[in-house]
Amino acid sequence: MRHFPSRRPGRRLIAGLVAAAMLWALAGPGPATAITVQEEEELSREFLKVLYQHLDIIREPLVDDYLNRLGQRLLEPLPPQPFKFHFYMVDEPTYNAFATPA
């Protein structure tokens, strides 16, 4: 008998949120009515609350430190950004990555 990993509601939530964000970007307001940096930071805080409710975020200091150092190295070639980047590891058996607002 084959064992299939259980489907978590978090995956569907992430897929739905990403799809909604893409639709909003395509059909949403143009650059003249874009949100401010502060509004995007608030949106990111709300988004992170939802992620913590639906996904198992690994909160291990050694993992967090390593992941954030690695992420900062990836950002080195970029010009200065208006946001501070944070990196999190989700306890999920598949390889994947996604970005959230701000």
PDB file of N, CA and C in Angstrom:
ATOM      1  N   MET A   1       0.845  -1.169   0.000  1.00  0.00           N
ATOM      2  CA  MET A   1       0.000   0.000   0.000  1.00  0.00           C
ATOM      3  C   MET A   1       0.896   1.240   0.000  1.00  0.00           C
ATOM      4  N   ARG A   2       0.616   2.178  -0.896  1.00  0.00           N
ATOM      5  CA  ARG A   2       1.402   3.407  -0.961  1.00  0.00           C
ATOM      6  C   ARG A   2       0.905   4.390   0.070  1.00  0.00           C
ATOM      7  N   HIS A   3       1.849   5.089   0.654  1.00  0.00           N
ATOM      8  CA  HIS A   3       1.503   6.126   1.621  1.00  0.00           C
ATOM      9  C   HIS A   3       1.604   7.482   0.929  1.00  0.00           C
ATOM     10  N   PHE A   4       0.529   8.225   0.948  1.00  0.00           N
ATOM     11  CA  PHE A   4       0.528   9.566   0.391  1.00  0.00           C
ATOM     12  C   PHE A   4       0.517  10.560   1.532  1.00  0.00           C
ATOM     13  N   PRO A   5       1.337  11.615   1.449  1.00  0.00           N
ATOM     14  CA  PRO A   5       1.343  12.602   2.527  1.00  0.00           C
ATOM     15  C   PRO A   5      -0.027  13.241   2.656  1.00  0.00           C
ATOM     16  N   SER A   6      -0.397  13.521   3.893  1.00  0.00           N
ATOM     17  CA  SER A   6      -1.696  14.155   4.120  1.00  0.00           C
ATOM     18  C   SER A   6      -1.680  15.572   3.580  1.00  0.00           C
ATOM     19  N   ARG A   7      -2.796  15.978   3.048  1.00  0.00           N
ATOM     20  CA  ARG A   7      -2.908  17.340   2.531  1.00  0.00           C
ATOM     21  C   ARG A   7      -3.252  18.253   3.692  1.00  0.00           C
ATOM     22  N   ARG A   8      -2.504  19.300   3.823  1.00  0.00           N
ATOM     23  CA  ARG A   8      -2.732  20.255   4.893  1.00  0.00           C
ATOM     24  C   ARG A   8      -3.531  21.432   4.363  1.00  0.00           C
ATOM     25  N   PRO A   9      -4.383  21.997   5.210  1.00  0.00           N
ATOM     26  CA  PRO A   9      -5.130  23.166   4.756  1.00  0.00           C
ATOM     27  C   PRO A   9      -4.205  24.344   4.471  1.00  0.00           C
ATOM     28  N   GLY A  10      -3.017  24.361   5.019  1.00  0.00           N
ATOM     29  CA  GLY A  10      -2.077  25.451   4.801  1.00  0.00           C
ATOM     30  C   GLY A  10      -1.669  25.579   3.350  1.00  0.00           C
ATOM     31  N   ARG A  11      -1.511  24.475   2.669  1.00  0.00           N
ATOM     32  CA  ARG A  11      -1.126  24.512   1.253  1.00  0.00           C
ATOM     33  C   ARG A  11      -2.197  25.187   0.415  1.00  0.00           C
ATOM     34  N   ARG A  12      -3.429  24.818   0.656  1.00  0.00           N
ATOM     35  CA  ARG A  12      -4.524  25.426  -0.094  1.00  0.00           C
ATOM     36  C   ARG A  12      -4.638  26.906   0.233  1.00  0.00           C
ATOM     37  N   LEU A  13      -4.430  27.250   1.492  1.00  0.00           N
ATOM     38  CA  LEU A  13      -4.483  28.656   1.892  1.00  0.00           C
ATOM     39  C   LEU A  13      -3.416  29.462   1.161  1.00  0.00           C
ATOM     40  N   ILE A  14      -2.191  28.950   1.139  1.00  0.00           N
ATOM     41  CA  ILE A  14      -1.095  29.650   0.463  1.00  0.00           C
ATOM     42  C   ILE A  14      -1.402  29.776  -1.024  1.00  0.00           C
ATOM     43  N   ALA A  15      -1.859  28.688  -1.636  1.00  0.00           N
ATOM     44  CA  ALA A  15      -2.181  28.733  -3.062  1.00  0.00           C
ATOM     45  C   ALA A  15      -3.279  29.755  -3.330  1.00  0.00           C
ATOM     46  N   GLY A  16      -4.281  29.800  -2.476  1.00  0.00           N
ATOM     47  CA  GLY A  16      -5.365  30.766  -2.641  1.00  0.00           C
ATOM     48  C   GLY A  16      -4.896  32.196  -2.469  1.00  0.00           C
ATOM     49  N   LEU A  17      -4.054  32.426  -1.467  1.00  0.00           N
ATOM     50  CA  LEU A  17      -3.536  33.772  -1.239  1.00  0.00           C
ATOM     51  C   LEU A  17      -2.647  34.233  -2.385  1.00  0.00           C
ATOM     52  N   VAL A  18      -1.816  33.344  -2.892  1.00  0.00           N
ATOM     53  CA  VAL A  18      -0.951  33.692  -4.015  1.00  0.00           C
ATOM     54  C   VAL A  18      -1.797  33.982  -5.259  1.00  0.00           C
ATOM     55  N   ALA A  19      -2.815  33.150  -5.509  1.00  0.00           N
ATOM     56  CA  ALA A  19      -3.688  33.383  -6.657  1.00  0.00           C
ATOM     57  C   ALA A  19      -4.424  34.712  -6.526  1.00  0.00           C
ATOM     58  N   ALA A  20      -4.919  35.008  -5.328  1.00  0.00           N
ATOM     59  CA  ALA A  20      -5.620  36.281  -5.115  1.00  0.00           C
ATOM     60  C   ALA A  20      -4.679  37.459  -5.325  1.00  0.00           C
ATOM     61  N   ALA A  21      -3.459  37.343  -4.842  1.00  0.00           N
ATOM     62  CA  ALA A  21      -2.490  38.429  -5.022  1.00  0.00           C
ATOM     63  C   ALA A  21      -2.164  38.629  -6.500  1.00  0.00           C
ATOM     64  N   MET A  22      -2.045  37.524  -7.242  1.00  0.00           N
ATOM     65  CA  MET A  22      -1.752  37.647  -8.671  1.00  0.00           C
ATOM     66  C   MET A  22      -2.919  38.284  -9.418  1.00  0.00           C
ATOM     67  N   LEU A  23      -4.142  37.880  -9.073  1.00  0.00           N
ATOM     68  CA  LEU A  23      -5.311  38.482  -9.720  1.00  0.00           C
ATOM     69  C   LEU A  23      -5.411  39.967  -9.390  1.00  0.00           C
ATOM     70  N   TRP A  24      -5.147  40.309  -8.137  1.00  0.00           N
ATOM     71  CA  TRP A  24      -5.195  41.711  -7.733  1.00  0.00           C
ATOM     72  C   TRP A  24      -4.148  42.516  -8.501  1.00  0.00           C
ATOM     73  N   ALA A  25      -2.966  41.923  -8.664  1.00  0.00           N
ATOM     74  CA  ALA A  25      -1.899  42.618  -9.396  1.00  0.00           C
ATOM     75  C   ALA A  25      -2.273  42.843 -10.856  1.00  0.00           C
ATOM     76  N   LEU A  26      -2.967  41.871 -11.448  1.00  0.00           N
ATOM     77  CA  LEU A  26      -3.360  41.997 -12.849  1.00  0.00           C
ATOM     78  C   LEU A  26      -4.558  42.918 -13.052  1.00  0.00           C
ATOM     79  N   ALA A  27      -5.528  42.841 -12.158  1.00  0.00           N
ATOM     80  CA  ALA A  27      -6.764  43.602 -12.334  1.00  0.00           C
ATOM     81  C   ALA A  27      -6.878  44.777 -11.376  1.00  0.00           C
ATOM     82  N   GLY A  28      -5.952  44.877 -10.456  1.00  0.00           N
ATOM     83  CA  GLY A  28      -6.025  45.912  -9.428  1.00  0.00           C
ATOM     84  C   GLY A  28      -5.664  47.290  -9.939  1.00  0.00           C
ATOM     85  N   PRO A  29      -5.570  48.216  -9.021  1.00  0.00           N
ATOM     86  CA  PRO A  29      -5.261  49.594  -9.395  1.00  0.00           C
ATOM     87  C   PRO A  29      -3.869  49.728  -9.994  1.00  0.00           C
ATOM     88  N   GLY A  30      -3.698  50.739 -10.832  1.00  0.00           N
ATOM     89  CA  GLY A  30      -2.409  51.004 -11.458  1.00  0.00           C
ATOM     90  C   GLY A  30      -1.449  51.665 -10.479  1.00  0.00           C
ATOM     91  N   PRO A  31      -0.258  52.023 -10.966  1.00  0.00           N
ATOM     92  CA  PRO A  31       0.769  52.606 -10.101  1.00  0.00           C
ATOM     93  C   PRO A  31       0.342  53.900  -9.418  1.00  0.00           C
ATOM     94  N   ALA A  32      -0.585  54.644 -10.009  1.00  0.00           N
ATOM     95  CA  ALA A  32      -0.990  55.915  -9.418  1.00  0.00           C
ATOM     96  C   ALA A  32      -1.697  55.715  -8.085  1.00  0.00           C
ATOM     97  N   THR A  33      -2.265  54.524  -7.872  1.00  0.00           N
ATOM     98  CA  THR A  33      -2.981  54.260  -6.631  1.00  0.00           C
ATOM     99  C   THR A  33      -2.327  53.133  -5.834  1.00  0.00           C
ATOM    100  N   ALA A  34      -1.042  52.928  -6.037  1.00  0.00           N
ATOM    101  CA  ALA A  34      -0.321  51.868  -5.336  1.00  0.00           C
ATOM    102  C   ALA A  34      -0.327  52.147  -3.838  1.00  0.00           C
ATOM    103  N   ILE A  35      -0.141  51.078  -3.062  1.00  0.00           N
ATOM    104  CA  ILE A  35      -0.112  51.260  -1.613  1.00  0.00           C
ATOM    105  C   ILE A  35       1.242  51.802  -1.174  1.00  0.00           C
ATOM    106  N   THR A  36       1.264  52.403  -0.021  1.00  0.00           N
ATOM    107  CA  THR A  36       2.500  52.962   0.512  1.00  0.00           C
ATOM    108  C   THR A  36       3.335  51.856   1.145  1.00  0.00           C
ATOM    109  N   VAL A  37       4.583  52.176   1.439  1.00  0.00           N
ATOM    110  CA  VAL A  37       5.464  51.221   2.114  1.00  0.00           C
ATOM    111  C   VAL A  37       4.870  50.848   3.469  1.00  0.00           C
ATOM    112  N   GLN A  38       4.341  51.823   4.187  1.00  0.00           N
ATOM    113  CA  GLN A  38       3.747  51.550   5.498  1.00  0.00           C
ATOM    114  C   GLN A  38       2.529  50.628   5.375  1.00  0.00           C
ATOM    115  N   GLU A  39       1.696  50.855   4.338  1.00  0.00           N
ATOM    116  CA  GLU A  39       0.536  49.989   4.136  1.00  0.00           C
ATOM    117  C   GLU A  39       0.970  48.568   3.795  1.00  0.00           C
ATOM    118  N   GLU A  40       2.017  48.436   3.015  1.00  0.00           N
ATOM    119  CA  GLU A  40       2.501  47.101   2.673  1.00  0.00           C
ATOM    120  C   GLU A  40       3.083  46.407   3.894  1.00  0.00           C
ATOM    121  N   GLU A  41       3.766  47.141   4.761  1.00  0.00           N
ATOM    122  CA  GLU A  41       4.296  46.541   5.987  1.00  0.00           C
ATOM    123  C   GLU A  41       3.160  46.055   6.887  1.00  0.00           C
ATOM    124  N   GLU A  42       2.077  46.819   6.974  1.00  0.00           N
ATOM    125  CA  GLU A  42       0.915  46.391   7.760  1.00  0.00           C
ATOM    126  C   GLU A  42       0.299  45.141   7.139  1.00  0.00           C
ATOM    127  N   LEU A  43       0.179  45.125   5.822  1.00  0.00           N
ATOM    128  CA  LEU A  43      -0.334  43.951   5.123  1.00  0.00           C
ATOM    129  C   LEU A  43       0.536  42.732   5.415  1.00  0.00           C
ATOM    130  N   SER A  44       1.843  42.927   5.460  1.00  0.00           N
ATOM    131  CA  SER A  44       2.742  41.797   5.733  1.00  0.00           C
ATOM    132  C   SER A  44       2.542  41.273   7.150  1.00  0.00           C
ATOM    133  N   ARG A  45       2.304  42.154   8.114  1.00  0.00           N
ATOM    134  CA  ARG A  45       2.062  41.699   9.493  1.00  0.00           C
ATOM    135  C   ARG A  45       0.777  40.871   9.567  1.00  0.00           C
ATOM    136  N   GLU A  46      -0.265  41.310   8.878  1.00  0.00           N
ATOM    137  CA  GLU A  46      -1.526  40.560   8.856  1.00  0.00           C
ATOM    138  C   GLU A  46      -1.345  39.214   8.158  1.00  0.00           C
ATOM    139  N   PHE A  47      -0.613  39.214   7.053  1.00  0.00           N
ATOM    140  CA  PHE A  47      -0.351  37.990   6.295  1.00  0.00           C
ATOM    141  C   PHE A  47       0.413  36.997   7.163  1.00  0.00           C
ATOM    142  N   LEU A  48       1.413  37.484   7.910  1.00  0.00           N
ATOM    143  CA  LEU A  48       2.215  36.614   8.762  1.00  0.00           C
ATOM    144  C   LEU A  48       1.357  35.988   9.865  1.00  0.00           C
ATOM    145  N   LYS A  49       0.401  36.737  10.405  1.00  0.00           N
ATOM    146  CA  LYS A  49      -0.514  36.177  11.411  1.00  0.00           C
ATOM    147  C   LYS A  49      -1.282  34.989  10.830  1.00  0.00           C
ATOM    148  N   VAL A  50      -1.761  35.141   9.596  1.00  0.00           N
ATOM    149  CA  VAL A  50      -2.510  34.060   8.944  1.00  0.00           C
ATOM    150  C   VAL A  50      -1.596  32.849   8.726  1.00  0.00           C
ATOM    151  N   LEU A  51      -0.374  33.102   8.282  1.00  0.00           N
ATOM    152  CA  LEU A  51       0.560  31.991   8.066  1.00  0.00           C
ATOM    153  C   LEU A  51       0.816  31.230   9.355  1.00  0.00           C
ATOM    154  N   TYR A  52       1.024  31.954  10.459  1.00  0.00           N
ATOM    155  CA  TYR A  52       1.271  31.285  11.744  1.00  0.00           C
ATOM    156  C   TYR A  52       0.066  30.455  12.189  1.00  0.00           C
ATOM    157  N   GLN A  53      -1.139  30.851  11.793  1.00  0.00           N
ATOM    158  CA  GLN A  53      -2.329  30.095  12.168  1.00  0.00           C
ATOM    159  C   GLN A  53      -2.486  28.817  11.346  1.00  0.00           C
ATOM    160  N   HIS A  54      -1.975  28.811  10.114  1.00  0.00           N
ATOM    161  CA  HIS A  54      -2.239  27.693   9.214  1.00  0.00           C
ATOM    162  C   HIS A  54      -1.026  26.855   8.845  1.00  0.00           C
ATOM    163  N   LEU A  55       0.159  27.301   9.164  1.00  0.00           N
ATOM    164  CA  LEU A  55       1.363  26.544   8.839  1.00  0.00           C
ATOM    165  C   LEU A  55       2.196  26.310  10.089  1.00  0.00           C
ATOM    166  N   ASP A  56       2.970  25.228  10.062  1.00  0.00           N
ATOM    167  CA  ASP A  56       3.886  24.946  11.161  1.00  0.00           C
ATOM    168  C   ASP A  56       5.224  25.611  10.853  1.00  0.00           C
ATOM    169  N   ILE A  57       5.444  26.790  11.430  1.00  0.00           N
ATOM    170  CA  ILE A  57       6.692  27.519  11.251  1.00  0.00           C
ATOM    171  C   ILE A  57       7.701  26.973  12.258  1.00  0.00           C
ATOM    172  N   ILE A  58       8.868  26.594  11.788  1.00  0.00           N
ATOM    173  CA  ILE A  58       9.911  26.087  12.682  1.00  0.00           C
ATOM    174  C   ILE A  58      10.524  27.279  13.409  1.00  0.00           C
ATOM    175  N   ARG A  59      10.491  27.225  14.720  1.00  0.00           N
ATOM    176  CA  ARG A  59      11.028  28.316  15.530  1.00  0.00           C
ATOM    177  C   ARG A  59      12.182  27.778  16.374  1.00  0.00           C
ATOM    178  N   GLU A  60      13.279  27.564  15.709  1.00  0.00           N
ATOM    179  CA  GLU A  60      14.498  27.048  16.338  1.00  0.00           C
ATOM    180  C   GLU A  60      15.592  28.075  16.093  1.00  0.00           C
ATOM    181  N   PRO A  61      16.185  28.648  17.144  1.00  0.00           N
ATOM    182  CA  PRO A  61      17.173  29.718  16.962  1.00  0.00           C
ATOM    183  C   PRO A  61      18.301  29.384  15.993  1.00  0.00           C
ATOM    184  N   LEU A  62      18.852  28.169  16.038  1.00  0.00           N
ATOM    185  CA  LEU A  62      19.952  27.822  15.128  1.00  0.00           C
ATOM    186  C   LEU A  62      19.477  27.801  13.677  1.00  0.00           C
ATOM    187  N   VAL A  63      18.289  27.275  13.444  1.00  0.00           N
ATOM    188  CA  VAL A  63      17.727  27.229  12.091  1.00  0.00           C
ATOM    189  C   VAL A  63      17.423  28.649  11.614  1.00  0.00           C
ATOM    190  N   ASP A  64      16.780  29.443  12.467  1.00  0.00           N
ATOM    191  CA  ASP A  64      16.448  30.832  12.114  1.00  0.00           C
ATOM    192  C   ASP A  64      17.696  31.629  11.761  1.00  0.00           C
ATOM    193  N   ASP A  65      18.731  31.482  12.578  1.00  0.00           N
ATOM    194  CA  ASP A  65      19.969  32.225  12.348  1.00  0.00           C
ATOM    195  C   ASP A  65      20.604  31.829  11.019  1.00  0.00           C
ATOM    196  N   TYR A  66      20.712  30.521  10.780  1.00  0.00           N
ATOM    197  CA  TYR A  66      21.302  30.040   9.531  1.00  0.00           C
ATOM    198  C   TYR A  66      20.498  30.512   8.324  1.00  0.00           C
ATOM    199  N   LEU A  67      19.190  30.344   8.377  1.00  0.00           N
ATOM    200  CA  LEU A  67      18.329  30.696   7.255  1.00  0.00           C
ATOM    201  C   LEU A  67      18.386  32.196   6.960  1.00  0.00           C
ATOM    202  N   ASN A  68      18.391  33.019   7.991  1.00  0.00           N
ATOM    203  CA  ASN A  68      18.445  34.464   7.771  1.00  0.00           C
ATOM    204  C   ASN A  68      19.817  34.918   7.274  1.00  0.00           C
ATOM    205  N   ARG A  69      20.894  34.286   7.740  1.00  0.00           N
ATOM    206  CA  ARG A  69      22.217  34.621   7.201  1.00  0.00           C
ATOM    207  C   ARG A  69      22.308  34.247   5.728  1.00  0.00           C
ATOM    208  N   LEU A  70      21.783  33.074   5.377  1.00  0.00           N
ATOM    209  CA  LEU A  70      21.772  32.634   3.987  1.00  0.00           C
ATOM    210  C   LEU A  70      20.929  33.593   3.138  1.00  0.00           C
ATOM    211  N   GLY A  71      19.762  33.955   3.627  1.00  0.00           N
ATOM    212  CA  GLY A  71      18.899  34.880   2.897  1.00  0.00           C
ATOM    213  C   GLY A  71      19.548  36.237   2.681  1.00  0.00           C
ATOM    214  N   GLN A  72      20.239  36.740   3.684  1.00  0.00           N
ATOM    215  CA  GLN A  72      20.915  38.031   3.549  1.00  0.00           C
ATOM    216  C   GLN A  72      22.031  37.953   2.510  1.00  0.00           C
ATOM    217  N   ARG A  73      22.705  36.821   2.430  1.00  0.00           N
ATOM    218  CA  ARG A  73      23.740  36.653   1.397  1.00  0.00           C
ATOM    219  C   ARG A  73      23.129  36.696   0.008  1.00  0.00           C
ATOM    220  N   LEU A  74      21.935  36.133  -0.138  1.00  0.00           N
ATOM    221  CA  LEU A  74      21.257  36.163  -1.436  1.00  0.00           C
ATOM    222  C   LEU A  74      20.859  37.591  -1.820  1.00  0.00           C
ATOM    223  N   LEU A  75      20.610  38.425  -0.835  1.00  0.00           N
ATOM    224  CA  LEU A  75      20.181  39.806  -1.091  1.00  0.00           C
ATOM    225  C   LEU A  75      21.344  40.758  -1.369  1.00  0.00           C
ATOM    226  N   GLU A  76      22.576  40.347  -1.066  1.00  0.00           N
ATOM    227  CA  GLU A  76      23.731  41.238  -1.197  1.00  0.00           C
ATOM    228  C   GLU A  76      23.854  41.917  -2.562  1.00  0.00           C
ATOM    229  N   PRO A  77      23.617  41.226  -3.670  1.00  0.00           N
ATOM    230  CA  PRO A  77      23.792  41.903  -4.962  1.00  0.00           C
ATOM    231  C   PRO A  77      22.675  42.894  -5.305  1.00  0.00           C
ATOM    232  N   LEU A  78      21.588  42.894  -4.562  1.00  0.00           N
ATOM    233  CA  LEU A  78      20.471  43.786  -4.866  1.00  0.00           C
ATOM    234  C   LEU A  78      20.740  45.204  -4.375  1.00  0.00           C
ATOM    235  N   PRO A  79      20.130  46.186  -5.017  1.00  0.00           N
ATOM    236  CA  PRO A  79      20.232  47.549  -4.491  1.00  0.00           C
ATOM    237  C   PRO A  79      19.455  47.632  -3.171  1.00  0.00           C
ATOM    238  N   PRO A  80      19.634  48.699  -2.416  1.00  0.00           N
ATOM    239  CA  PRO A  80      18.897  48.834  -1.142  1.00  0.00           C
ATOM    240  C   PRO A  80      17.391  48.682  -1.353  1.00  0.00           C
ATOM    241  N   GLN A  81      16.757  47.974  -0.436  1.00  0.00           N
ATOM    242  CA  GLN A  81      15.329  47.687  -0.515  1.00  0.00           C
ATOM    243  C   GLN A  81      14.575  48.478   0.561  1.00  0.00           C
ATOM    244  N   PRO A  82      13.305  48.801   0.317  1.00  0.00           N
ATOM    245  CA  PRO A  82      12.551  49.567   1.305  1.00  0.00           C
ATOM    246  C   PRO A  82      12.099  48.740   2.508  1.00  0.00           C
ATOM    247  N   PHE A  83      12.277  47.410   2.449  1.00  0.00           N
ATOM    248  CA  PHE A  83      11.812  46.542   3.514  1.00  0.00           C
ATOM    249  C   PHE A  83      12.960  45.738   4.100  1.00  0.00           C
ATOM    250  N   LYS A  84      12.785  45.330   5.339  1.00  0.00           N
ATOM    251  CA  LYS A  84      13.710  44.406   5.968  1.00  0.00           C
ATOM    252  C   LYS A  84      13.205  42.998   5.651  1.00  0.00           C
ATOM    253  N   PHE A  85      14.071  42.149   5.159  1.00  0.00           N
ATOM    254  CA  PHE A  85      13.680  40.797   4.786  1.00  0.00           C
ATOM    255  C   PHE A  85      13.788  39.864   5.990  1.00  0.00           C
ATOM    256  N   HIS A  86      12.825  38.954   6.100  1.00  0.00           N
ATOM    257  CA  HIS A  86      12.812  37.915   7.133  1.00  0.00           C
ATOM    258  C   HIS A  86      12.608  36.592   6.412  1.00  0.00           C
ATOM    259  N   PHE A  87      13.235  35.565   6.911  1.00  0.00           N
ATOM    260  CA  PHE A  87      13.140  34.252   6.291  1.00  0.00           C
ATOM    261  C   PHE A  87      12.651  33.256   7.342  1.00  0.00           C
ATOM    262  N   TYR A  88      11.720  32.391   6.940  1.00  0.00           N
ATOM    263  CA  TYR A  88      11.134  31.419   7.850  1.00  0.00           C
ATOM    264  C   TYR A  88      11.167  30.052   7.192  1.00  0.00           C
ATOM    265  N   MET A  89      11.243  29.025   8.020  1.00  0.00           N
ATOM    266  CA  MET A  89      11.187  27.666   7.513  1.00  0.00           C
ATOM    267  C   MET A  89       9.867  27.049   7.957  1.00  0.00           C
ATOM    268  N   VAL A  90       9.168  26.463   6.990  1.00  0.00           N
ATOM    269  CA  VAL A  90       7.894  25.813   7.249  1.00  0.00           C
ATOM    270  C   VAL A  90       8.129  24.311   7.331  1.00  0.00           C
ATOM    271  N   ASP A  91       7.545  23.682   8.327  1.00  0.00           N
ATOM    272  CA  ASP A  91       7.658  22.236   8.489  1.00  0.00           C
ATOM    273  C   ASP A  91       6.728  21.574   7.482  1.00  0.00           C
ATOM    274  N   GLU A  92       7.285  21.289   6.321  1.00  0.00           N
ATOM    275  CA  GLU A  92       6.522  20.748   5.195  1.00  0.00           C
ATOM    276  C   GLU A  92       7.424  19.765   4.466  1.00  0.00           C
ATOM    277  N   PRO A  93       6.921  18.589   4.078  1.00  0.00           N
ATOM    278  CA  PRO A  93       7.785  17.570   3.479  1.00  0.00           C
ATOM    279  C   PRO A  93       8.163  17.829   2.013  1.00  0.00           C
ATOM    280  N   THR A  94       7.710  18.921   1.424  1.00  0.00           N
ATOM    281  CA  THR A  94       8.036  19.206   0.032  1.00  0.00           C
ATOM    282  C   THR A  94       8.934  20.430  -0.063  1.00  0.00           C
ATOM    283  N   TYR A  95       9.723  20.485  -1.126  1.00  0.00           N
ATOM    284  CA  TYR A  95      10.540  21.662  -1.380  1.00  0.00           C
ATOM    285  C   TYR A  95       9.643  22.751  -1.954  1.00  0.00           C
ATOM    286  N   ASN A  96       9.750  23.935  -1.425  1.00  0.00           N
ATOM    287  CA  ASN A  96       8.936  25.022  -1.918  1.00  0.00           C
ATOM    288  C   ASN A  96       9.425  26.317  -1.295  1.00  0.00           C
ATOM    289  N   ALA A  97       9.029  27.425  -1.893  1.00  0.00           N
ATOM    290  CA  ALA A  97       9.342  28.738  -1.344  1.00  0.00           C
ATOM    291  C   ALA A  97       8.289  29.698  -1.826  1.00  0.00           C
ATOM    292  N   PHE A  98       8.034  30.718  -1.047  1.00  0.00           N
ATOM    293  CA  PHE A  98       7.117  31.758  -1.461  1.00  0.00           C
ATOM    294  C   PHE A  98       7.487  33.044  -0.764  1.00  0.00           C
ATOM    295  N   ALA A  99       7.033  34.130  -1.300  1.00  0.00           N
ATOM    296  CA  ALA A  99       7.291  35.447  -0.720  1.00  0.00           C
ATOM    297  C   ALA A  99       5.964  36.094  -0.362  1.00  0.00           C
ATOM    298  N   THR A 100       5.989  36.931   0.643  1.00  0.00           N
ATOM    299  CA  THR A 100       4.796  37.647   1.060  1.00  0.00           C
ATOM    300  C   THR A 100       5.029  39.148   0.862  1.00  0.00           C
ATOM    301  N   PRO A 101       4.002  39.949   1.003  1.00  0.00           N
ATOM    302  CA  PRO A 101       4.199  41.398   0.901  1.00  0.00           C
ATOM    303  C   PRO A 101       5.224  41.891   1.917  1.00  0.00           C
ATOM    304  N   ALA A 102       5.911  42.941   1.552  1.00  0.00           N
ATOM    305  CA  ALA A 102       6.908  43.598   2.407  1.00  0.00           C
ATOM    306  C   ALA A 102       7.886  42.609   2.983  1.00  0.00           C
TER     307      ALA A 102
END
